[in-house]
Protein backbone atom coordinates (compact mmCIF):
# COMPACT_ATOMS: atom_id res chain seq x y z
CA MET A 1 -38.12 29.66 20.21
CA ARG A 2 -38.18 26.08 18.99
CA ARG A 3 -35.22 23.78 19.69
CA PRO A 4 -33.92 21.69 16.83
CA SER A 5 -35.05 18.10 17.00
CA ARG A 6 -32.64 15.40 18.05
CA ARG A 7 -32.64 14.17 14.48
CA GLY A 8 -31.85 17.67 13.23
CA ARG A 9 -29.02 18.05 15.73
CA LEU A 10 -27.65 14.64 14.74
CA TRP A 11 -27.75 15.57 11.07
CA SER A 12 -26.04 18.88 11.84
CA LEU A 13 -23.35 17.10 13.85
CA ARG A 14 -22.74 14.58 11.07
CA ALA A 15 -22.60 17.38 8.49
CA THR A 16 -20.04 19.20 10.63
CA GLU A 17 -17.99 16.02 11.09
CA ALA A 18 -18.14 15.37 7.34
CA ALA A 19 -16.99 18.92 6.57
CA THR A 20 -14.13 18.63 9.06
CA LEU A 21 -13.17 15.27 7.60
CA ALA A 22 -13.18 16.76 4.11
CA ASP A 23 -10.91 19.61 5.28
CA ASP A 24 -8.48 17.15 6.86
CA VAL A 25 -8.43 14.99 3.74
CA GLN A 26 -7.77 18.05 1.57
CA ARG A 27 -4.84 18.99 3.80
CA LEU A 28 -3.40 15.49 3.50
CA GLU A 29 -3.82 15.57 -0.28
CA ALA A 30 -1.89 18.85 -0.40
CA GLU A 31 0.84 17.14 1.63
CA HIS A 32 0.90 14.32 -0.95
CA HIS A 33 1.65 16.88 -3.66
CA LYS A 34 4.44 18.47 -1.61
CA ALA A 35 5.85 15.02 -0.79
CA ALA A 36 5.86 14.17 -4.51
CA GLN A 37 8.04 17.23 -5.14
CA TYR A 38 10.44 16.15 -2.39
CA HIS A 39 10.51 12.61 -3.77
CA ASP A 40 11.37 13.92 -7.24
CA GLU A 41 14.21 15.98 -5.85
CA THR A 42 15.60 13.18 -3.67
CA GLU A 43 15.41 10.72 -6.56
CA ARG A 44 17.31 13.19 -8.77
CA LEU A 45 19.96 13.67 -6.07
CA TYR A 46 20.31 9.92 -5.50
CA ALA A 47 20.67 9.40 -9.26
CA GLU A 48 23.42 12.04 -9.39
CA TRP A 49 25.13 10.38 -6.42
CA ARG A 50 25.06 6.99 -8.17
CA THR A 51 26.23 8.46 -11.49
CA GLN A 52 28.96 10.74 -10.09
CA GLY A 53 29.95 8.57 -7.13
CA ALA A 54 29.52 11.50 -4.74
CA LEU A 55 27.59 14.69 -4.09
CA ASP A 56 29.03 18.08 -3.29
CA ALA A 57 28.41 19.56 0.17
CA GLU A 58 25.35 21.56 -0.94
CA GLN A 59 23.76 18.56 -2.65
CA SER A 60 24.47 16.34 0.35
CA GLN A 61 22.87 18.87 2.69
CA ARG A 62 19.85 19.21 0.41
CA LEU A 63 19.44 15.42 0.23
CA LEU A 64 19.65 15.14 4.01
CA GLN A 65 17.11 17.95 4.49
CA ARG A 66 14.65 16.46 2.01
CA THR A 67 14.84 12.93 3.40
CA GLU A 68 14.41 14.23 6.97
CA ARG A 69 11.45 16.34 5.85
CA LEU A 70 9.85 13.36 4.10
CA LYS A 71 10.32 11.23 7.20
CA SER A 72 8.69 13.90 9.36
CA MET A 73 5.85 14.49 6.88
CA TYR A 74 5.00 10.81 6.66
CA ALA A 75 5.11 10.28 10.43
CA ASP A 76 2.67 13.17 10.94
CA HIS A 77 0.57 12.13 7.95
CA ILE A 78 0.18 8.55 9.20
CA ARG A 79 -0.65 9.76 12.71
CA ILE A 80 -3.41 12.04 11.39
CA GLU A 81 -4.82 9.25 9.22
CA GLU A 82 -4.87 6.75 12.08
CA GLU A 83 -5.97 9.06 14.91
CA VAL A 84 -8.27 11.49 13.10
CA ILE A 85 -9.32 10.52 9.58
CA PHE A 86 -10.00 6.79 9.98
CA PRO A 87 -12.01 7.09 13.23
CA ARG A 88 -14.16 9.89 11.75
CA ALA A 89 -14.71 7.96 8.53
CA ALA A 90 -15.76 4.91 10.55
CA LYS A 91 -18.48 7.02 12.20
CA LEU A 92 -19.71 8.55 8.95
CA PHE A 93 -19.66 5.69 6.44
CA ASP A 94 -21.05 2.18 6.33
CA LYS A 95 -18.95 -0.93 5.63
CA PRO A 96 -19.38 -1.03 1.82
CA VAL A 97 -18.21 2.59 1.52
CA LEU A 98 -15.28 1.95 3.87
CA ASP A 99 -14.35 -1.13 1.83
CA GLU A 100 -14.37 0.98 -1.33
CA ILE A 101 -12.18 3.62 0.30
CA GLY A 102 -9.81 0.87 1.47
CA ALA A 103 -9.57 -0.49 -2.07
CA GLU A 104 -8.72 3.00 -3.36
CA PHE A 105 -5.96 3.35 -0.74
CA LYS A 106 -4.56 -0.04 -1.70
CA ALA A 107 -4.60 0.80 -5.42
CA ARG A 108 -2.90 4.14 -4.77
CA ARG A 109 -0.12 2.48 -2.76
CA ALA A 110 0.46 -0.09 -5.54
CA ARG A 111 1.38 2.69 -7.98
């Protein structure tokens, strides 16, 4: 039986890393959608608080839960980006591609 060449193994490893990176990015994108829902709800609750001067107990609890969940989501999200996504991307892409990705991140944050 013939062993795969070093080049073939390297390609296979990079393909696996790319697939794993894509899965992680998809998961983070799904979290962005969930976070957007939480943001909408917290913004609505804050608007009611400003308009009414207070929230009832249920609304206050909901606001607290949503803001705590957002805080937790973002802490985990940032950790995964910094410890998993960015190091993998640095191995897989060259500088021009990384610069392009960085520009997309910056544009997304400006919105």
